[in-house]
N, C-alpha and C. Protein backbone atom coordinates (compact mmCIF):
# COMPACT_ATOMS: atom_id res chain seq x y z
N UNK A 1 20.81 5.99 -6.60
CA UNK A 1 20.77 5.07 -5.49
C UNK A 1 19.61 4.09 -5.68
N UNK A 2 19.86 2.81 -5.44
CA UNK A 2 18.85 1.77 -5.52
C UNK A 2 18.60 1.26 -4.10
N UNK A 3 17.33 1.16 -3.71
CA UNK A 3 16.97 0.67 -2.38
C UNK A 3 16.10 -0.57 -2.54
N UNK A 4 16.40 -1.62 -1.77
CA UNK A 4 15.65 -2.87 -1.84
C UNK A 4 15.56 -3.47 -0.44
N UNK A 5 14.72 -4.49 -0.30
CA UNK A 5 14.59 -5.20 0.97
C UNK A 5 15.10 -6.63 0.80
N UNK A 6 15.71 -7.13 1.88
CA UNK A 6 16.17 -8.53 1.88
C UNK A 6 16.09 -9.04 3.31
N UNK A 7 15.16 -9.94 3.55
CA UNK A 7 15.05 -10.55 4.88
C UNK A 7 14.82 -9.56 5.99
N UNK A 8 14.09 -8.48 5.73
CA UNK A 8 13.81 -7.49 6.77
C UNK A 8 14.82 -6.38 6.86
N UNK A 9 15.96 -6.53 6.20
CA UNK A 9 16.99 -5.49 6.19
C UNK A 9 16.86 -4.67 4.91
N UNK A 10 17.29 -3.43 4.98
CA UNK A 10 17.32 -2.56 3.81
C UNK A 10 18.68 -2.71 3.15
N UNK A 11 18.65 -2.83 1.84
CA UNK A 11 19.90 -2.92 1.08
C UNK A 11 19.94 -1.74 0.13
N UNK A 12 21.10 -1.08 0.03
CA UNK A 12 21.27 0.06 -0.87
C UNK A 12 22.51 -0.09 -1.70
N UNK A 13 22.38 0.38 -2.95
CA UNK A 13 23.50 0.37 -3.87
C UNK A 13 23.59 1.75 -4.52
N UNK A 14 24.79 2.27 -4.58
CA UNK A 14 25.01 3.56 -5.26
C UNK A 14 25.73 3.38 -6.58
N UNK A 15 25.95 2.10 -6.98
CA UNK A 15 26.67 1.85 -8.23
C UNK A 15 25.87 0.91 -9.16
N UNK A 16 24.55 1.08 -9.17
CA UNK A 16 23.72 0.30 -10.07
C UNK A 16 23.56 -1.16 -9.71
N UNK A 17 23.80 -1.52 -8.45
CA UNK A 17 23.60 -2.89 -8.00
C UNK A 17 24.84 -3.75 -7.98
N UNK A 18 26.01 -3.18 -8.27
CA UNK A 18 27.25 -3.97 -8.24
C UNK A 18 27.66 -4.30 -6.81
N UNK A 19 27.53 -3.32 -5.91
CA UNK A 19 27.83 -3.55 -4.50
C UNK A 19 26.66 -3.03 -3.67
N UNK A 20 26.48 -3.64 -2.49
CA UNK A 20 25.34 -3.31 -1.63
C UNK A 20 25.80 -3.10 -0.19
N UNK A 21 25.12 -2.18 0.49
CA UNK A 21 25.28 -1.98 1.93
C UNK A 21 23.96 -2.39 2.56
N UNK A 22 24.03 -3.17 3.64
CA UNK A 22 22.81 -3.65 4.29
C UNK A 22 22.74 -3.11 5.71
N UNK A 23 21.52 -2.69 6.12
CA UNK A 23 21.33 -2.18 7.49
C UNK A 23 19.87 -2.33 7.88
N UNK A 24 19.60 -2.16 9.17
CA UNK A 24 18.25 -2.17 9.70
C UNK A 24 17.86 -0.75 10.08
N UNK A 25 16.69 -0.30 9.63
CA UNK A 25 16.20 1.04 9.95
C UNK A 25 15.88 1.08 11.43
N UNK A 26 16.34 2.10 12.11
CA UNK A 26 16.06 2.23 13.54
C UNK A 26 17.01 1.42 14.40
N UNK A 27 17.99 0.77 13.80
CA UNK A 27 18.99 0.02 14.54
C UNK A 27 18.53 -1.37 14.93
N UNK A 28 19.42 -2.11 15.57
CA UNK A 28 19.10 -3.46 16.03
C UNK A 28 18.68 -4.34 14.88
N UNK A 29 17.62 -5.09 15.10
CA UNK A 29 17.09 -5.96 14.06
C UNK A 29 15.65 -5.57 13.74
N UNK A 30 15.37 -4.29 13.68
CA UNK A 30 14.05 -3.79 13.34
C UNK A 30 13.68 -4.26 11.94
N UNK A 31 12.67 -5.12 11.83
CA UNK A 31 12.29 -5.73 10.56
C UNK A 31 11.56 -4.72 9.69
N UNK A 32 11.99 -4.55 8.44
CA UNK A 32 11.34 -3.66 7.48
C UNK A 32 10.51 -4.51 6.53
N UNK A 33 9.20 -4.19 6.44
CA UNK A 33 8.28 -4.96 5.60
C UNK A 33 8.12 -4.38 4.21
N UNK A 34 8.10 -3.04 4.10
CA UNK A 34 7.93 -2.43 2.78
C UNK A 34 8.51 -1.03 2.75
N UNK A 35 8.83 -0.58 1.54
CA UNK A 35 9.36 0.76 1.32
C UNK A 35 8.59 1.40 0.18
N UNK A 36 8.31 2.71 0.30
CA UNK A 36 7.63 3.45 -0.75
C UNK A 36 8.40 4.72 -1.05
N UNK A 37 8.48 5.08 -2.31
CA UNK A 37 9.09 6.36 -2.70
C UNK A 37 8.01 7.42 -2.65
N UNK A 38 8.28 8.51 -1.95
CA UNK A 38 7.30 9.59 -1.80
C UNK A 38 7.70 10.86 -2.54
N UNK A 39 8.87 10.87 -3.10
CA UNK A 39 9.37 12.02 -3.84
C UNK A 39 10.68 11.67 -4.51
N UNK A 40 11.30 12.65 -5.12
CA UNK A 40 12.55 12.42 -5.86
C UNK A 40 13.61 11.75 -4.98
N UNK A 41 13.75 12.21 -3.75
CA UNK A 41 14.74 11.64 -2.84
C UNK A 41 14.13 11.15 -1.53
N UNK A 42 12.81 11.22 -1.40
CA UNK A 42 12.15 10.85 -0.16
C UNK A 42 11.64 9.41 -0.21
N UNK A 43 11.86 8.68 0.91
CA UNK A 43 11.40 7.31 1.06
C UNK A 43 10.62 7.19 2.37
N UNK A 44 9.72 6.21 2.43
CA UNK A 44 9.03 5.86 3.67
C UNK A 44 9.14 4.35 3.82
N UNK A 45 9.28 3.87 5.06
CA UNK A 45 9.43 2.44 5.31
C UNK A 45 8.48 2.00 6.42
N UNK A 46 7.80 0.88 6.19
CA UNK A 46 6.95 0.25 7.20
C UNK A 46 7.80 -0.78 7.93
N UNK A 47 7.93 -0.63 9.24
CA UNK A 47 8.78 -1.52 10.02
C UNK A 47 8.02 -2.05 11.24
N UNK A 48 8.65 -2.97 11.94
CA UNK A 48 8.07 -3.53 13.15
C UNK A 48 7.98 -2.49 14.28
N UNK A 49 8.71 -1.39 14.16
CA UNK A 49 8.70 -0.35 15.20
C UNK A 49 7.96 0.91 14.78
N UNK A 50 7.55 1.01 13.52
CA UNK A 50 6.82 2.19 13.07
C UNK A 50 7.13 2.56 11.64
N UNK A 51 6.59 3.71 11.23
CA UNK A 51 6.85 4.25 9.90
C UNK A 51 8.04 5.19 10.02
N UNK A 52 9.06 4.91 9.24
CA UNK A 52 10.25 5.76 9.20
C UNK A 52 10.28 6.49 7.87
N UNK A 53 10.83 7.70 7.86
CA UNK A 53 10.96 8.47 6.62
C UNK A 53 12.41 8.89 6.42
N UNK A 54 12.77 9.02 5.16
CA UNK A 54 14.12 9.44 4.79
C UNK A 54 14.03 10.56 3.76
N UNK A 55 14.70 11.68 3.98
CA UNK A 55 14.70 12.77 3.00
C UNK A 55 15.80 12.63 1.95
N UNK A 56 16.70 11.65 2.12
CA UNK A 56 17.93 11.59 1.32
C UNK A 56 18.21 10.19 0.75
N UNK A 57 17.19 9.59 0.13
CA UNK A 57 17.33 8.26 -0.49
C UNK A 57 17.81 7.18 0.47
N UNK A 58 17.45 7.29 1.74
CA UNK A 58 17.79 6.25 2.70
C UNK A 58 19.11 6.42 3.40
N UNK A 59 19.81 7.53 3.18
CA UNK A 59 21.08 7.76 3.90
C UNK A 59 20.81 7.94 5.38
N UNK A 60 19.72 8.64 5.73
CA UNK A 60 19.31 8.81 7.12
C UNK A 60 17.81 8.54 7.22
N UNK A 61 17.37 8.07 8.39
CA UNK A 61 15.97 7.76 8.64
C UNK A 61 15.54 8.34 9.98
N UNK A 62 14.28 8.76 10.09
CA UNK A 62 13.73 9.19 11.37
C UNK A 62 12.33 8.61 11.54
N UNK A 63 11.98 8.30 12.79
CA UNK A 63 10.67 7.74 13.09
C UNK A 63 9.61 8.81 12.88
N UNK A 64 8.64 8.51 12.02
CA UNK A 64 7.55 9.45 11.73
C UNK A 64 6.29 9.10 12.50
N UNK A 65 6.05 7.78 12.71
CA UNK A 65 4.84 7.34 13.42
C UNK A 65 5.10 5.97 14.03
N UNK A 66 4.94 5.82 15.37
CA UNK A 66 5.24 4.53 16.01
C UNK A 66 4.15 3.50 15.81
N UNK A 67 4.52 2.24 15.97
CA UNK A 67 3.60 1.12 15.84
C UNK A 67 4.19 0.07 14.92
N UNK A 68 3.56 -1.08 14.84
CA UNK A 68 4.02 -2.15 13.96
C UNK A 68 3.22 -2.10 12.67
N UNK A 69 3.91 -1.91 11.53
CA UNK A 69 3.24 -1.74 10.24
C UNK A 69 3.76 -2.73 9.21
N UNK A 70 2.82 -3.33 8.45
CA UNK A 70 3.15 -4.25 7.36
C UNK A 70 3.56 -3.51 6.10
N UNK A 71 2.83 -2.43 5.81
CA UNK A 71 2.99 -1.81 4.50
C UNK A 71 2.81 -0.31 4.56
N UNK A 72 3.38 0.35 3.56
CA UNK A 72 3.21 1.79 3.41
C UNK A 72 3.12 2.09 1.92
N UNK A 73 2.26 3.04 1.57
CA UNK A 73 2.09 3.41 0.17
C UNK A 73 1.93 4.92 0.05
N UNK A 74 2.48 5.46 -1.02
CA UNK A 74 2.35 6.89 -1.30
C UNK A 74 1.07 7.13 -2.09
N UNK A 75 0.43 8.26 -1.83
CA UNK A 75 -0.75 8.66 -2.59
C UNK A 75 -0.26 9.41 -3.82
N UNK A 76 -0.48 8.87 -5.04
CA UNK A 76 0.04 9.52 -6.24
C UNK A 76 -0.60 10.87 -6.53
N UNK A 77 -1.75 11.16 -5.91
CA UNK A 77 -2.44 12.42 -6.17
C UNK A 77 -1.99 13.56 -5.26
N UNK A 78 -1.30 13.22 -4.13
CA UNK A 78 -0.91 14.24 -3.15
C UNK A 78 0.55 14.03 -2.76
N UNK A 79 1.45 14.93 -3.17
CA UNK A 79 2.87 14.76 -2.82
C UNK A 79 3.07 14.66 -1.30
N UNK A 80 3.82 13.63 -0.89
CA UNK A 80 4.14 13.44 0.52
C UNK A 80 3.07 12.75 1.33
N UNK A 81 1.89 12.49 0.76
CA UNK A 81 0.83 11.82 1.50
C UNK A 81 1.10 10.31 1.54
N UNK A 82 0.85 9.70 2.69
CA UNK A 82 1.10 8.27 2.89
C UNK A 82 -0.08 7.60 3.56
N UNK A 83 -0.26 6.32 3.28
CA UNK A 83 -1.18 5.46 4.03
C UNK A 83 -0.37 4.24 4.43
N UNK A 84 -0.48 3.86 5.70
CA UNK A 84 0.26 2.71 6.22
C UNK A 84 -0.71 1.70 6.80
N UNK A 85 -0.51 0.43 6.47
CA UNK A 85 -1.33 -0.66 7.01
C UNK A 85 -0.63 -1.30 8.18
N UNK A 86 -1.33 -1.39 9.31
CA UNK A 86 -0.71 -1.90 10.53
C UNK A 86 -0.88 -3.40 10.66
N UNK A 87 -0.19 -3.96 11.63
CA UNK A 87 -0.31 -5.38 11.91
C UNK A 87 -1.62 -5.70 12.61
N UNK A 88 -2.22 -4.71 13.29
CA UNK A 88 -3.40 -5.04 14.08
C UNK A 88 -4.49 -3.98 14.14
N UNK A 89 -4.21 -2.72 13.85
CA UNK A 89 -5.23 -1.69 14.08
C UNK A 89 -5.59 -0.87 12.84
N UNK A 90 -5.59 -1.49 11.68
CA UNK A 90 -6.07 -0.80 10.49
C UNK A 90 -5.01 0.05 9.82
N UNK A 91 -5.35 1.31 9.60
CA UNK A 91 -4.50 2.19 8.80
C UNK A 91 -4.18 3.48 9.53
N UNK A 92 -3.06 4.05 9.15
CA UNK A 92 -2.72 5.41 9.57
C UNK A 92 -2.50 6.20 8.28
N UNK A 93 -2.90 7.46 8.28
CA UNK A 93 -2.76 8.30 7.09
C UNK A 93 -2.01 9.59 7.46
N UNK A 94 -1.08 9.97 6.57
CA UNK A 94 -0.40 11.27 6.67
C UNK A 94 -0.84 12.06 5.45
N UNK A 95 -1.52 13.21 5.64
CA UNK A 95 -2.11 13.92 4.51
C UNK A 95 -1.12 14.62 3.59
N UNK A 96 0.09 14.90 4.08
CA UNK A 96 1.09 15.61 3.27
C UNK A 96 2.45 15.47 3.93
N UNK A 97 3.48 15.90 3.24
CA UNK A 97 4.84 15.90 3.79
C UNK A 97 4.84 16.70 5.09
N UNK A 98 5.25 16.07 6.19
CA UNK A 98 5.29 16.76 7.48
C UNK A 98 3.95 16.87 8.17
N UNK A 99 2.88 16.33 7.56
CA UNK A 99 1.55 16.40 8.16
C UNK A 99 1.41 15.47 9.35
N UNK A 100 0.34 15.66 10.12
CA UNK A 100 0.05 14.85 11.31
C UNK A 100 -0.60 13.53 10.91
N UNK A 101 -0.12 12.42 11.46
CA UNK A 101 -0.69 11.10 11.21
C UNK A 101 -2.00 10.96 11.97
N UNK A 102 -2.99 10.29 11.36
CA UNK A 102 -4.24 9.96 12.03
C UNK A 102 -4.58 8.50 11.73
N UNK A 103 -5.23 7.85 12.69
CA UNK A 103 -5.68 6.48 12.48
C UNK A 103 -7.01 6.50 11.74
N UNK A 104 -7.17 5.60 10.77
CA UNK A 104 -8.44 5.44 10.07
C UNK A 104 -9.14 4.25 10.69
N UNK A 105 -10.32 4.44 11.28
CA UNK A 105 -11.02 3.31 11.90
C UNK A 105 -11.49 2.32 10.84
N UNK A 106 -11.30 1.05 11.11
CA UNK A 106 -11.73 0.00 10.19
C UNK A 106 -12.31 -1.16 10.98
N UNK A 107 -13.07 -2.02 10.29
CA UNK A 107 -13.58 -3.20 10.98
C UNK A 107 -12.53 -4.30 10.98
N UNK A 108 -12.80 -5.37 11.69
CA UNK A 108 -11.80 -6.41 11.90
C UNK A 108 -11.39 -7.13 10.61
N UNK A 109 -12.22 -7.10 9.57
CA UNK A 109 -11.87 -7.81 8.33
C UNK A 109 -10.70 -7.16 7.60
N UNK A 110 -10.42 -5.90 7.87
CA UNK A 110 -9.30 -5.22 7.22
C UNK A 110 -8.27 -4.74 8.23
N UNK A 111 -8.32 -5.25 9.45
CA UNK A 111 -7.44 -4.76 10.51
C UNK A 111 -5.97 -5.02 10.23
N UNK A 112 -5.62 -6.15 9.65
CA UNK A 112 -4.21 -6.46 9.36
C UNK A 112 -4.00 -6.34 7.86
N UNK A 113 -3.59 -5.18 7.42
CA UNK A 113 -3.40 -4.92 5.99
C UNK A 113 -1.97 -5.26 5.60
N UNK A 114 -1.78 -6.46 5.02
CA UNK A 114 -0.44 -6.88 4.66
C UNK A 114 0.13 -6.05 3.51
N UNK A 115 -0.72 -5.61 2.60
CA UNK A 115 -0.30 -4.72 1.52
C UNK A 115 -1.38 -3.68 1.32
N UNK A 116 -0.97 -2.47 1.04
CA UNK A 116 -1.92 -1.39 0.81
C UNK A 116 -1.50 -0.61 -0.42
N UNK A 117 -2.47 -0.18 -1.20
CA UNK A 117 -2.25 0.62 -2.40
C UNK A 117 -3.18 1.82 -2.34
N UNK A 118 -2.68 3.00 -2.67
CA UNK A 118 -3.48 4.22 -2.65
C UNK A 118 -3.61 4.75 -4.06
N UNK A 119 -4.77 5.26 -4.39
CA UNK A 119 -4.96 5.94 -5.66
C UNK A 119 -5.27 4.99 -6.78
N UNK A 120 -4.56 5.13 -7.88
CA UNK A 120 -4.86 4.34 -9.05
C UNK A 120 -6.06 4.90 -9.78
N UNK A 121 -6.15 6.22 -9.90
CA UNK A 121 -7.24 6.85 -10.62
C UNK A 121 -8.14 7.69 -9.75
N UNK A 122 -8.31 7.31 -8.49
CA UNK A 122 -9.15 8.05 -7.57
C UNK A 122 -8.36 8.26 -6.28
N UNK A 123 -8.14 9.51 -5.85
CA UNK A 123 -7.32 9.73 -4.64
C UNK A 123 -7.85 9.04 -3.39
N UNK A 124 -9.17 8.83 -3.27
CA UNK A 124 -9.70 8.22 -2.06
C UNK A 124 -9.75 6.69 -2.16
N UNK A 125 -9.27 6.12 -3.23
CA UNK A 125 -9.32 4.68 -3.46
C UNK A 125 -8.20 3.97 -2.70
N UNK A 126 -8.55 2.98 -1.90
CA UNK A 126 -7.58 2.14 -1.21
C UNK A 126 -7.83 0.70 -1.62
N UNK A 127 -6.77 -0.04 -1.86
CA UNK A 127 -6.87 -1.47 -2.12
C UNK A 127 -5.94 -2.15 -1.14
N UNK A 128 -6.44 -3.17 -0.44
CA UNK A 128 -5.60 -3.88 0.52
C UNK A 128 -5.63 -5.37 0.24
N UNK A 129 -4.62 -6.04 0.73
CA UNK A 129 -4.59 -7.50 0.71
C UNK A 129 -4.22 -7.95 2.11
N UNK A 130 -4.95 -8.93 2.60
CA UNK A 130 -4.63 -9.54 3.88
C UNK A 130 -5.04 -11.00 3.83
N UNK A 131 -5.05 -11.66 4.96
CA UNK A 131 -5.34 -13.10 4.95
C UNK A 131 -6.77 -13.41 4.52
N UNK A 132 -7.66 -12.41 4.47
CA UNK A 132 -9.04 -12.63 4.02
C UNK A 132 -9.17 -12.49 2.51
N UNK A 133 -8.19 -11.90 1.84
CA UNK A 133 -8.24 -11.70 0.39
C UNK A 133 -7.92 -10.27 0.01
N UNK A 134 -8.49 -9.82 -1.10
CA UNK A 134 -8.25 -8.46 -1.59
C UNK A 134 -9.54 -7.67 -1.42
N UNK A 135 -9.44 -6.47 -0.81
CA UNK A 135 -10.60 -5.62 -0.58
C UNK A 135 -10.30 -4.21 -1.06
N UNK A 136 -11.36 -3.45 -1.34
CA UNK A 136 -11.18 -2.07 -1.81
C UNK A 136 -12.15 -1.14 -1.11
N UNK A 137 -11.73 0.12 -1.08
CA UNK A 137 -12.56 1.20 -0.55
C UNK A 137 -12.45 2.37 -1.51
N UNK A 138 -13.56 3.01 -1.81
CA UNK A 138 -13.53 4.20 -2.67
C UNK A 138 -13.86 5.46 -1.87
N UNK A 139 -13.87 5.34 -0.53
CA UNK A 139 -14.17 6.49 0.33
C UNK A 139 -13.13 6.65 1.44
N UNK A 140 -11.87 6.45 1.09
CA UNK A 140 -10.74 6.61 2.01
C UNK A 140 -10.78 5.68 3.21
N UNK A 141 -11.37 4.50 3.04
CA UNK A 141 -11.36 3.51 4.11
C UNK A 141 -12.56 3.51 5.03
N UNK A 142 -13.57 4.33 4.73
CA UNK A 142 -14.78 4.34 5.57
C UNK A 142 -15.54 3.03 5.41
N UNK A 143 -15.69 2.55 4.17
CA UNK A 143 -16.37 1.28 3.93
C UNK A 143 -15.52 0.44 2.98
N UNK A 144 -15.72 -0.90 3.03
CA UNK A 144 -14.89 -1.83 2.28
C UNK A 144 -15.74 -2.83 1.53
N UNK A 145 -15.27 -3.22 0.33
CA UNK A 145 -15.92 -4.23 -0.48
C UNK A 145 -14.90 -5.31 -0.79
N UNK A 146 -15.27 -6.56 -0.52
CA UNK A 146 -14.37 -7.67 -0.80
C UNK A 146 -14.43 -8.03 -2.27
N UNK A 147 -13.27 -8.32 -2.86
CA UNK A 147 -13.23 -8.78 -4.23
C UNK A 147 -13.86 -10.16 -4.29
N UNK A 148 -14.87 -10.33 -5.12
CA UNK A 148 -15.57 -11.62 -5.21
C UNK A 148 -15.12 -12.43 -6.42
N UNK A 149 -14.31 -11.83 -7.29
CA UNK A 149 -13.78 -12.56 -8.44
C UNK A 149 -12.26 -12.43 -8.44
N UNK A 150 -11.58 -13.33 -9.06
CA UNK A 150 -10.12 -13.24 -9.16
C UNK A 150 -9.43 -13.60 -7.86
N UNK A 151 -8.62 -12.69 -7.33
CA UNK A 151 -7.75 -13.05 -6.20
C UNK A 151 -8.47 -13.05 -4.85
N UNK A 152 -9.28 -14.05 -4.63
CA UNK A 152 -9.93 -14.21 -3.33
C UNK A 152 -9.45 -15.54 -2.77
N UNK A 153 -8.71 -15.47 -1.68
CA UNK A 153 -8.20 -16.68 -1.05
C UNK A 153 -7.82 -16.36 0.38
N UNK A 154 -7.79 -17.36 1.23
CA UNK A 154 -7.33 -17.11 2.59
C UNK A 154 -5.86 -17.45 2.69
N UNK A 155 -5.16 -16.74 3.57
CA UNK A 155 -3.76 -16.98 3.79
C UNK A 155 -2.88 -16.60 2.63
N UNK A 156 -3.29 -15.61 1.83
CA UNK A 156 -2.48 -15.27 0.66
C UNK A 156 -1.37 -14.29 0.99
N UNK A 157 -0.33 -14.33 0.17
CA UNK A 157 0.74 -13.36 0.24
C UNK A 157 0.63 -12.55 -1.03
N UNK A 158 0.45 -11.25 -0.89
CA UNK A 158 0.13 -10.43 -2.05
C UNK A 158 1.02 -9.21 -2.12
N UNK A 159 1.41 -8.86 -3.34
CA UNK A 159 2.10 -7.60 -3.58
C UNK A 159 1.33 -6.89 -4.66
N UNK A 160 1.21 -5.55 -4.53
CA UNK A 160 0.44 -4.80 -5.52
C UNK A 160 1.24 -3.61 -6.02
N UNK A 161 1.04 -3.29 -7.28
CA UNK A 161 1.59 -2.08 -7.86
C UNK A 161 0.52 -1.46 -8.73
N UNK A 162 0.68 -0.20 -9.04
CA UNK A 162 -0.31 0.47 -9.87
C UNK A 162 0.38 1.40 -10.84
N UNK A 163 -0.22 1.59 -11.99
CA UNK A 163 0.26 2.62 -12.90
C UNK A 163 -0.61 3.84 -12.73
N UNK A 164 -0.10 5.01 -13.07
CA UNK A 164 -0.84 6.25 -12.88
C UNK A 164 -1.86 6.44 -13.99
N UNK A 165 -2.83 7.27 -13.75
CA UNK A 165 -3.81 7.62 -14.77
C UNK A 165 -5.22 7.21 -14.41
N UNK A 166 -6.18 7.69 -15.17
CA UNK A 166 -7.58 7.45 -14.87
C UNK A 166 -7.95 5.99 -14.96
N UNK A 167 -7.31 5.21 -15.82
CA UNK A 167 -7.62 3.79 -15.95
C UNK A 167 -6.50 2.92 -15.39
N UNK A 168 -5.94 3.34 -14.26
CA UNK A 168 -4.80 2.64 -13.68
C UNK A 168 -5.15 1.22 -13.31
N UNK A 169 -4.24 0.31 -13.60
CA UNK A 169 -4.42 -1.09 -13.24
C UNK A 169 -3.84 -1.35 -11.87
N UNK A 170 -4.48 -2.24 -11.14
CA UNK A 170 -3.96 -2.75 -9.88
C UNK A 170 -3.58 -4.19 -10.15
N UNK A 171 -2.38 -4.57 -9.76
CA UNK A 171 -1.91 -5.93 -9.94
C UNK A 171 -1.78 -6.60 -8.58
N UNK A 172 -2.20 -7.84 -8.49
CA UNK A 172 -2.06 -8.62 -7.26
C UNK A 172 -1.41 -9.94 -7.61
N UNK A 173 -0.29 -10.25 -6.96
CA UNK A 173 0.32 -11.57 -7.13
C UNK A 173 -0.02 -12.40 -5.91
N UNK A 174 -0.55 -13.58 -6.11
CA UNK A 174 -0.98 -14.43 -5.02
C UNK A 174 -0.08 -15.64 -4.89
N UNK A 175 0.32 -15.91 -3.68
CA UNK A 175 1.03 -17.15 -3.38
C UNK A 175 0.11 -17.92 -2.43
N UNK A 176 -0.84 -18.59 -2.98
CA UNK A 176 -1.83 -19.36 -2.22
C UNK A 176 -2.31 -20.49 -3.12
N UNK A 177 -3.46 -21.05 -2.81
CA UNK A 177 -4.00 -22.14 -3.61
C UNK A 177 -4.24 -21.73 -5.06
N UNK A 178 -4.47 -20.43 -5.29
CA UNK A 178 -4.72 -19.93 -6.64
C UNK A 178 -3.54 -19.13 -7.15
N UNK A 179 -2.31 -19.62 -6.95
CA UNK A 179 -1.12 -18.90 -7.37
C UNK A 179 -1.33 -18.23 -8.72
N UNK A 180 -0.92 -16.97 -8.82
CA UNK A 180 -1.01 -16.30 -10.11
C UNK A 180 -0.99 -14.81 -10.00
N UNK A 181 -0.95 -14.17 -11.15
CA UNK A 181 -0.96 -12.72 -11.24
C UNK A 181 -2.32 -12.29 -11.79
N UNK A 182 -2.99 -11.41 -11.05
CA UNK A 182 -4.30 -10.91 -11.43
C UNK A 182 -4.22 -9.40 -11.60
N UNK A 183 -5.11 -8.83 -12.43
CA UNK A 183 -5.14 -7.38 -12.61
C UNK A 183 -6.58 -6.92 -12.75
N UNK A 184 -6.81 -5.67 -12.36
CA UNK A 184 -8.12 -5.05 -12.51
C UNK A 184 -7.93 -3.59 -12.89
N UNK A 185 -8.86 -3.05 -13.64
CA UNK A 185 -8.88 -1.62 -13.96
C UNK A 185 -10.14 -1.04 -13.33
N UNK A 186 -9.95 -0.07 -12.47
CA UNK A 186 -11.07 0.58 -11.78
C UNK A 186 -11.99 -0.43 -11.10
N UNK A 187 -11.45 -1.52 -10.59
CA UNK A 187 -12.17 -2.52 -9.82
C UNK A 187 -13.33 -3.15 -10.57
N UNK A 188 -13.22 -3.25 -11.89
CA UNK A 188 -14.28 -3.84 -12.71
C UNK A 188 -14.03 -5.32 -12.97
N UNK A 189 -13.75 -6.07 -11.94
CA UNK A 189 -13.47 -7.49 -12.08
C UNK A 189 -11.99 -7.76 -12.28
N UNK A 190 -11.55 -8.94 -11.87
CA UNK A 190 -10.15 -9.31 -11.95
C UNK A 190 -9.93 -10.30 -13.08
N UNK A 191 -8.85 -10.14 -13.81
CA UNK A 191 -8.48 -11.06 -14.87
C UNK A 191 -7.12 -11.66 -14.56
N UNK A 192 -7.02 -12.97 -14.77
CA UNK A 192 -5.73 -13.65 -14.57
C UNK A 192 -4.78 -13.20 -15.67
N UNK A 193 -3.53 -12.88 -15.31
CA UNK A 193 -2.55 -12.36 -16.25
C UNK A 193 -1.50 -13.40 -16.66
N UNK A 194 -1.42 -14.52 -15.95
CA UNK A 194 -0.37 -15.50 -16.28
C UNK A 194 -0.94 -16.83 -16.69
């Protein structure tokens, strides 16, 4: 099964992308901003109504945590662990599959996390992108450092992915005045990739 997003709706294909079924998680026109795979058949989705989870590749969904969320990311070091970036109040963290969600207090500079990445070599490492730029935390969100090189811009649209391992790269694509693809390894400065 392939799962993708299109205009806030979830699209699924069971035949390698030849045909697609489109729907909104939670019914109505609930906008879905991002989806993360948390296991072989488990998915999590950040939506305008909350974080939804699916145990069966998106065949069924249930509300796991209410609120408006931009992004959700799986922690590669802990099966079933999730971090979700909200539209207005920072982050929520689920420590494991079926675990209790808790809010992570943050200052206003990271309150609206449009994209969030967990891990990439250190389980407590968080990388976010929002309208202020790209920021990182190496203590599970207690303190934040703004990226001063590479992808620093206001009003950017950013997507991030990471590869596993001790020297995992974080990639940020920017659609702003500095359009481009940037990458960093262990937050040791950003290099333009395109």
